Amino acid sequence: MKKNLIKILSAFLAVVLVISIASINSGAYLNDITEKEKDYTKQPEFRSEDLRVKYDENGLLIANYDPVSDSRPKEYTFPAESNGIPVAEVNCPWGVEKLTIPDGIRRVVNLDSSDLKEISFGNDVEYIEGFNAEYCTGLTEIIFPKSLKELEFSGYSTIIKFPSSLKKIKFSGEYQTLKLNYSEDAVIEFSEETKVVFEGRPSYDMWFLLNKSGYKLAERGGEFVCVKDEDKQEKTCGDFKYYLDENGCAVISGYTGSEENLLNIPAELDGYTVVKISDGAFDNRAEFPSRPLDEVSAKEDGFSFKGVSLPSTVTEIGDCAFAYCESLEKINLSESVETIGYSAFESCKSLSDV
């Protein structure tokens, strides 16, 4: 009798052990140890319906759509959770034409499918990694969510190229702090048929990429539209670079001098009246900023002037005109200045007298 009881108990314990192991392998939390001791990333990947799922370091789920069957639906919506555990990251699968990312999901990776014709982002997406626009030839419109904090461009060339099939790109919120990740020597290229719209002011990081790629932002109807900056014939007069606007007036576009105290902006260059400091004319930011954006610094051998004197002929100061001029302490703005552009004095840490 006693031996039979021991056999029954042994068999029961074996079944319990198998069930416990199976529950862990199916993605359950490790409830038998403390939160501090858990290492979620060491738990094995498991399947949940048509998803391959694993844990991230926070105990949330990374879900990749990978159906067992070769036939894939044209439309797919990722689940916001699996087995009661929130999904934090999803991929962009091939074969799907209409993809919906629900609220709650924070990260989208590998946005590079030519099959994709429509994508809808939830209100919590903060990170998009591996966005290869050149491959997204099926998309005609993409609207980035207001929640977006970081956007990574990927590709195999130094040109971040958007296909002509993509008619509209919209950033639907204020993106003052949006971080961009891309190769250091990359530039961005939009088709003439593509309309790029910002509901609010873009981040300095975005402005920098657009500016070095030959684009500028024009305010239209409360939004900012990306337009191709006209090629200008730049001239040199002393230490100043400039070009002529449509009225034949001089617009200062650069400076090659090494003034350390007061920089006097002339009222004329080669007999042309100076009316504007152009976008980024004295932009002092390091050529290729480190990532993340909050680690951006000024050029080590950049401008070091402490003051700027503007003539009364100047009526406009362009976007990021004096950005990262960290030694700048004082600038006189006369009543003639009517327009000061976006982030004209971005990170001018010493500026206290205007």
Protein backbone atom coordinates (compact mmCIF):
# COMPACT_ATOMS: atom_id res chain seq x y z
CA MET A 1 0.00 0.00 0.00
CA LYS A 2 2.78 2.38 1.00
CA LYS A 3 4.74 1.58 -2.18
CA ASN A 4 1.67 2.23 -4.33
CA LEU A 5 1.12 5.59 -2.59
CA ILE A 6 4.74 6.58 -3.25
CA LYS A 7 4.37 5.64 -6.93
CA ILE A 8 1.17 7.71 -7.23
CA LEU A 9 2.80 10.72 -5.57
CA SER A 10 5.88 10.40 -7.78
CA ALA A 11 3.77 10.28 -10.92
CA PHE A 12 1.74 13.29 -9.73
CA LEU A 13 4.88 15.33 -9.05
CA ALA A 14 6.27 14.44 -12.47
CA VAL A 15 3.10 15.69 -14.17
CA VAL A 16 3.22 18.93 -12.15
CA LEU A 17 6.86 19.42 -13.12
CA VAL A 18 6.11 18.92 -16.84
CA ILE A 19 3.19 21.37 -16.68
CA SER A 20 5.38 23.95 -14.92
CA ILE A 21 8.13 23.67 -17.52
CA ALA A 22 5.60 23.88 -20.34
CA SER A 23 4.06 27.03 -18.87
CA ILE A 24 7.48 28.70 -18.71
CA ASN A 25 8.26 27.69 -22.29
CA SER A 26 4.94 29.18 -23.43
CA GLY A 27 5.99 32.57 -22.13
CA ALA A 28 4.69 32.74 -18.55
CA TYR A 29 6.44 34.90 -15.96
CA LEU A 30 8.91 33.33 -13.55
CA ASN A 31 6.80 33.78 -10.46
CA ASP A 32 8.95 31.62 -8.20
CA ILE A 33 11.78 34.20 -8.01
CA THR A 34 11.87 37.89 -7.24
CA GLU A 35 11.53 40.58 -9.93
CA LYS A 36 15.16 41.63 -9.39
CA GLU A 37 16.39 38.11 -10.14
CA LYS A 38 14.45 37.68 -13.37
CA ASP A 39 16.31 37.81 -16.66
CA TYR A 40 13.51 37.80 -19.19
CA THR A 41 15.80 37.85 -22.21
CA LYS A 42 17.06 34.34 -21.36
CA GLN A 43 13.60 32.83 -21.68
CA PRO A 44 13.13 30.87 -24.91
CA GLU A 45 11.24 32.16 -27.91
CA PHE A 46 7.77 30.65 -28.26
CA ARG A 47 4.86 30.68 -30.67
CA SER A 48 1.49 32.25 -30.04
CA GLU A 49 -0.85 31.63 -32.96
CA ASP A 50 0.85 33.27 -35.99
CA LEU A 51 3.46 35.09 -33.91
CA ARG A 52 7.01 34.27 -32.89
CA VAL A 53 7.29 35.85 -29.46
CA LYS A 54 10.08 36.53 -26.98
CA TYR A 55 10.60 38.76 -23.98
CA ASP A 56 12.45 42.05 -23.89
CA GLU A 57 14.53 43.09 -20.88
CA ASN A 58 11.47 44.58 -19.18
CA GLY A 59 9.34 41.47 -19.34
CA LEU A 60 7.24 42.80 -22.22
CA LEU A 61 6.83 40.99 -25.52
CA ILE A 62 8.57 41.32 -28.88
CA ALA A 63 6.21 39.88 -31.50
CA ASN A 64 7.13 38.97 -35.08
CA TYR A 65 4.34 38.01 -37.45
CA ASP A 66 5.37 34.67 -38.94
CA PRO A 67 2.40 32.44 -39.82
CA VAL A 68 2.96 28.71 -40.21
CA SER A 69 0.98 28.71 -43.44
CA ASP A 70 2.54 30.23 -46.57
CA SER A 71 -0.70 32.04 -47.36
CA ARG A 72 -0.86 35.41 -45.64
CA PRO A 73 -3.86 37.71 -45.23
CA LYS A 74 -3.78 41.05 -47.05
CA GLU A 75 -4.71 42.82 -43.83
CA TYR A 76 -3.25 42.24 -40.39
CA THR A 77 -3.59 43.87 -36.97
CA PHE A 78 -1.03 43.04 -34.31
CA PRO A 79 -2.44 42.11 -30.90
CA ALA A 80 -1.76 44.57 -28.09
CA GLU A 81 -1.05 41.64 -25.76
CA SER A 82 -0.45 37.91 -25.73
CA ASN A 83 -1.49 35.69 -22.84
CA GLY A 84 -2.23 38.82 -20.85
CA ILE A 85 1.27 40.25 -21.33
CA PRO A 86 1.61 43.57 -23.25
CA VAL A 87 3.35 43.59 -26.63
CA ALA A 88 6.00 46.33 -26.80
CA GLU A 89 7.64 45.72 -30.20
CA VAL A 90 6.46 44.41 -33.58
CA ASN A 91 7.92 43.99 -37.06
CA CYS A 92 6.66 44.97 -40.49
CA PRO A 93 5.95 41.62 -42.20
CA TRP A 94 6.18 40.93 -45.92
CA GLY A 95 3.05 39.90 -47.80
CA VAL A 96 0.75 42.16 -45.77
CA GLU A 97 -0.76 45.11 -47.65
CA LYS A 98 -2.63 46.82 -44.82
CA LEU A 99 -0.96 46.81 -41.41
CA THR A 100 -2.41 48.18 -38.17
CA ILE A 101 -0.31 48.87 -35.10
CA PRO A 102 -2.66 49.20 -32.09
CA ASP A 103 -2.29 51.50 -29.10
CA GLY A 104 0.13 50.24 -26.48
CA ILE A 105 2.88 49.13 -28.87
CA ARG A 106 5.94 51.38 -28.55
CA ARG A 107 8.41 50.13 -31.16
CA VAL A 108 8.13 49.16 -34.85
CA VAL A 109 11.12 47.57 -36.63
CA ASN A 110 12.04 46.71 -40.23
CA LEU A 111 9.65 49.03 -42.03
CA ASP A 112 10.87 48.04 -45.49
CA SER A 113 8.22 45.96 -47.26
CA SER A 114 7.32 46.62 -50.90
CA ASP A 115 4.06 44.73 -50.29
CA LEU A 116 2.83 47.31 -47.79
CA LYS A 117 0.22 49.73 -49.17
CA GLU A 118 -1.16 51.18 -45.96
CA ILE A 119 0.09 51.42 -42.38
CA SER A 120 -1.68 52.83 -39.36
CA PHE A 121 0.34 53.63 -36.24
CA GLY A 122 -1.16 53.54 -32.76
CA ASN A 123 -0.95 56.50 -30.41
CA ASP A 124 1.91 55.02 -28.37
CA VAL A 125 4.53 54.29 -31.04
CA GLU A 126 7.74 56.04 -29.92
CA TYR A 127 10.45 54.28 -31.94
CA ILE A 128 10.64 53.25 -35.60
CA GLU A 129 13.81 51.34 -36.46
CA GLY A 130 15.00 50.21 -39.87
CA PHE A 131 12.80 52.45 -42.04
CA ASN A 132 14.01 51.90 -45.60
CA ALA A 133 11.79 54.26 -47.55
CA GLU A 134 13.21 53.23 -50.92
CA TYR A 135 11.76 49.73 -50.51
CA CYS A 136 8.29 50.95 -49.50
CA THR A 137 7.15 51.35 -53.10
CA GLY A 138 3.58 50.29 -52.33
CA LEU A 139 2.91 53.13 -49.89
CA THR A 140 1.24 56.28 -51.17
CA GLU A 141 0.99 57.98 -47.79
CA ILE A 142 2.59 57.63 -44.38
CA ILE A 143 1.50 59.55 -41.29
CA PHE A 144 3.85 59.39 -38.33
CA PRO A 145 2.18 59.53 -34.89
CA LYS A 146 2.49 62.42 -32.44
CA SER A 147 4.10 60.04 -29.95
CA LEU A 148 7.18 59.42 -32.16
CA LYS A 149 10.50 60.10 -30.39
CA GLU A 150 13.10 58.40 -32.58
CA LEU A 151 13.25 57.50 -36.27
CA GLU A 152 16.02 55.39 -37.77
CA PHE A 153 16.65 55.47 -41.52
CA SER A 154 18.31 52.43 -43.05
CA GLY A 155 19.60 51.60 -46.51
CA TYR A 156 22.65 50.64 -48.51
CA SER A 157 23.57 54.01 -50.02
CA THR A 158 24.32 57.49 -48.74
CA ILE A 159 21.03 58.78 -50.15
CA ILE A 160 17.87 58.29 -48.09
CA LYS A 161 15.60 58.14 -51.11
CA PHE A 162 11.80 58.27 -51.03
CA PRO A 163 10.00 56.71 -54.02
CA SER A 164 7.77 58.80 -56.30
CA SER A 165 4.86 56.51 -55.42
CA LEU A 166 4.87 58.02 -51.92
CA LYS A 167 2.73 61.12 -52.41
CA LYS A 168 2.49 62.37 -48.82
CA ILE A 169 4.61 62.18 -45.69
CA LYS A 170 3.14 63.79 -42.61
CA PHE A 171 4.56 64.31 -39.14
CA SER A 172 1.39 64.83 -37.16
CA GLY A 173 2.65 66.62 -34.07
CA GLU A 174 5.30 68.78 -32.45
CA TYR A 175 8.66 67.14 -33.04
CA GLN A 176 10.97 69.51 -31.20
CA THR A 177 12.94 66.61 -29.70
CA LEU A 178 12.63 63.97 -32.44
CA LYS A 179 15.93 62.08 -32.80
CA LEU A 180 17.06 60.83 -36.19
CA ASN A 181 19.52 58.00 -36.78
CA TYR A 182 21.23 57.71 -40.15
CA SER A 183 24.71 57.19 -41.60
CA GLU A 184 26.94 60.22 -41.13
CA ASP A 185 27.36 61.11 -44.79
CA ALA A 186 23.73 60.51 -45.78
CA VAL A 187 21.41 63.05 -47.37
CA ILE A 188 17.68 62.80 -47.92
CA GLU A 189 15.95 62.94 -51.30
CA PHE A 190 12.23 63.38 -51.95
CA SER A 191 10.47 63.01 -55.27
CA GLU A 192 9.01 66.22 -56.72
CA GLU A 193 5.62 64.52 -56.39
CA THR A 194 6.01 63.91 -52.65
CA LYS A 195 4.54 66.41 -50.20
CA VAL A 196 6.31 66.49 -46.82
CA VAL A 197 4.33 68.20 -44.06
CA PHE A 198 5.02 69.00 -40.41
CA GLU A 199 2.10 70.01 -38.20
CA GLY A 200 4.54 71.67 -35.81
CA ARG A 201 8.15 72.77 -35.76
CA PRO A 202 10.53 69.86 -36.45
CA SER A 203 13.50 69.07 -34.25
CA TYR A 204 16.90 70.62 -34.86
CA ASP A 205 18.07 67.15 -35.90
CA MET A 206 15.43 67.04 -38.63
CA TRP A 207 16.18 70.60 -39.73
CA PHE A 208 19.89 69.76 -39.99
CA LEU A 209 19.26 66.76 -42.27
CA LEU A 210 16.83 68.69 -44.49
CA ASN A 211 19.11 71.71 -44.69
CA LYS A 212 22.24 69.78 -45.68
CA SER A 213 20.14 67.91 -48.26
CA GLY A 214 19.09 71.16 -49.95
CA TYR A 215 15.61 71.58 -48.46
CA LYS A 216 13.98 74.28 -46.39
CA LEU A 217 10.67 74.64 -44.54
CA ALA A 218 7.95 77.03 -45.69
CA GLU A 219 5.07 77.91 -43.36
CA ARG A 220 1.74 77.47 -45.09
CA GLY A 221 -1.64 77.52 -43.39
CA GLY A 222 -0.24 76.81 -39.94
CA GLU A 223 1.84 73.86 -41.17
CA PHE A 224 5.43 73.59 -42.34
CA VAL A 225 5.99 72.21 -45.83
CA CYS A 226 9.34 70.91 -47.03
CA VAL A 227 10.42 72.55 -50.29
CA LYS A 228 13.55 72.33 -52.39
CA ASP A 229 15.87 75.22 -51.71
CA GLU A 230 16.75 77.00 -54.92
CA ASP A 231 20.34 76.69 -56.07
CA LYS A 232 22.04 79.99 -55.38
CA GLN A 233 25.25 81.36 -56.81
CA GLU A 234 27.31 82.02 -53.71
CA LYS A 235 29.80 84.89 -53.73
CA THR A 236 32.63 85.86 -51.37
CA CYS A 237 33.48 89.27 -49.97
CA GLY A 238 36.27 89.25 -47.40
CA ASP A 239 35.37 86.69 -44.72
CA PHE A 240 31.68 86.65 -45.66
CA LYS A 241 29.82 84.43 -48.11
CA TYR A 242 26.58 85.67 -49.61
CA TYR A 243 24.10 85.32 -52.45
CA LEU A 244 21.60 87.71 -54.01
CA ASP A 245 17.87 87.43 -53.40
CA GLU A 246 15.17 88.13 -55.99
CA ASN A 247 15.45 91.86 -55.26
CA GLY A 248 19.19 91.98 -55.83
CA CYS A 249 19.99 92.33 -52.11
CA ALA A 250 22.69 90.39 -50.27
CA VAL A 251 21.88 87.46 -47.99
CA ILE A 252 24.80 86.37 -45.80
CA SER A 253 25.19 82.60 -46.06
CA GLY A 254 28.50 81.90 -44.33
CA TYR A 255 31.58 83.20 -42.56
CA THR A 256 35.20 82.05 -42.77
CA GLY A 257 36.80 84.49 -40.34
CA SER A 258 38.11 83.97 -36.82
CA GLU A 259 36.82 86.98 -34.89
CA GLU A 260 36.87 86.30 -31.14
CA ASN A 261 35.21 89.42 -29.76
CA LEU A 262 32.68 91.51 -31.69
CA LEU A 263 31.55 90.35 -35.12
CA ASN A 264 30.37 93.31 -37.17
CA ILE A 265 27.93 92.37 -39.90
CA PRO A 266 28.41 94.87 -42.75
CA ALA A 267 25.51 96.82 -44.23
CA GLU A 268 26.87 96.18 -47.73
CA LEU A 269 28.86 93.51 -49.53
CA ASP A 270 30.34 94.40 -52.89
CA GLY A 271 27.88 97.29 -53.06
CA TYR A 272 24.82 95.07 -52.37
CA THR A 273 22.67 95.91 -49.34
CA VAL A 274 22.67 93.16 -46.69
CA VAL A 275 19.06 92.37 -45.74
CA LYS A 276 19.16 88.87 -44.26
CA ILE A 277 21.22 86.32 -42.35
CA SER A 278 20.37 83.05 -44.13
CA ASP A 279 19.38 79.73 -42.60
CA GLY A 280 22.37 78.18 -40.82
CA ALA A 281 24.76 80.97 -41.88
CA PHE A 282 26.68 80.79 -38.58
CA ASP A 283 25.48 77.32 -37.56
CA ASN A 284 28.25 76.14 -35.26
CA ARG A 285 27.13 72.57 -34.65
CA ALA A 286 29.54 69.69 -35.19
CA GLU A 287 29.31 68.48 -38.80
CA PHE A 288 27.85 65.12 -37.90
CA PRO A 289 26.30 65.08 -34.45
CA SER A 290 26.72 62.14 -32.17
CA ARG A 291 23.65 60.23 -31.12
CA PRO A 292 21.52 60.69 -29.12
CA LEU A 293 20.61 64.29 -29.88
CA ASP A 294 21.22 65.55 -26.35
CA GLU A 295 24.93 64.81 -26.89
CA VAL A 296 25.22 67.22 -29.83
CA SER A 297 28.05 69.70 -29.37
CA ALA A 298 29.57 72.75 -31.05
CA LYS A 299 32.50 72.46 -33.45
CA GLU A 300 35.82 72.30 -31.61
CA ASP A 301 37.38 74.75 -34.07
CA GLY A 302 34.20 76.71 -34.80
CA PHE A 303 33.14 80.31 -34.24
CA SER A 304 34.23 81.93 -30.98
CA PHE A 305 32.92 85.49 -31.28
CA LYS A 306 31.28 86.87 -28.14
CA GLY A 307 29.14 89.57 -29.69
CA VAL A 308 27.32 90.31 -32.96
CA SER A 309 26.41 93.73 -34.30
CA LEU A 310 23.74 93.82 -37.00
CA PRO A 311 23.22 96.79 -39.33
CA SER A 312 19.81 98.45 -39.56
CA THR A 313 19.48 97.08 -43.10
CA VAL A 314 18.93 93.51 -41.83
CA THR A 315 15.24 92.61 -41.60
CA GLU A 316 15.39 88.83 -41.21
CA ILE A 317 17.41 86.21 -39.34
CA GLY A 318 16.98 82.72 -40.77
CA ASP A 319 16.39 79.33 -39.16
CA CYS A 320 19.29 78.15 -36.97
CA ALA A 321 21.32 81.16 -38.14
CA PHE A 322 23.50 81.27 -35.00
CA ALA A 323 22.80 77.79 -33.62
CA TYR A 324 25.41 76.39 -31.22
CA CYS A 325 27.44 79.62 -31.07
CA GLU A 326 28.16 78.80 -27.44
CA SER A 327 30.52 81.74 -26.86
CA LEU A 328 27.96 84.31 -28.06
CA GLU A 329 27.01 86.57 -25.15
CA LYS A 330 25.40 89.57 -26.81
CA ILE A 331 23.64 90.50 -30.05
CA ASN A 332 21.99 93.77 -30.91
CA LEU A 333 18.66 93.39 -32.68
CA SER A 334 17.50 96.68 -34.15
CA GLU A 335 13.87 97.56 -34.76
CA SER A 336 14.41 96.77 -38.43
CA VAL A 337 14.50 93.02 -37.70
CA GLU A 338 11.01 91.76 -38.52
CA THR A 339 11.52 87.98 -38.62
CA ILE A 340 13.58 85.62 -36.48
CA GLY A 341 13.61 82.06 -37.76
CA TYR A 342 13.18 78.72 -36.04
CA SER A 343 15.91 77.93 -33.50
CA ALA A 344 17.93 80.93 -34.71
CA PHE A 345 19.82 80.92 -31.40
CA GLU A 346 19.57 77.21 -30.57
CA SER A 347 21.97 76.24 -27.74
CA CYS A 348 23.61 79.68 -27.49
CA LYS A 349 24.36 78.90 -23.85
CA SER A 350 26.14 82.16 -23.05
CA LEU A 351 23.63 84.50 -24.69
CA SER A 352 22.18 86.84 -22.07
CA ASP A 353 21.94 90.23 -23.73
CA VAL A 354 19.67 90.73 -26.74
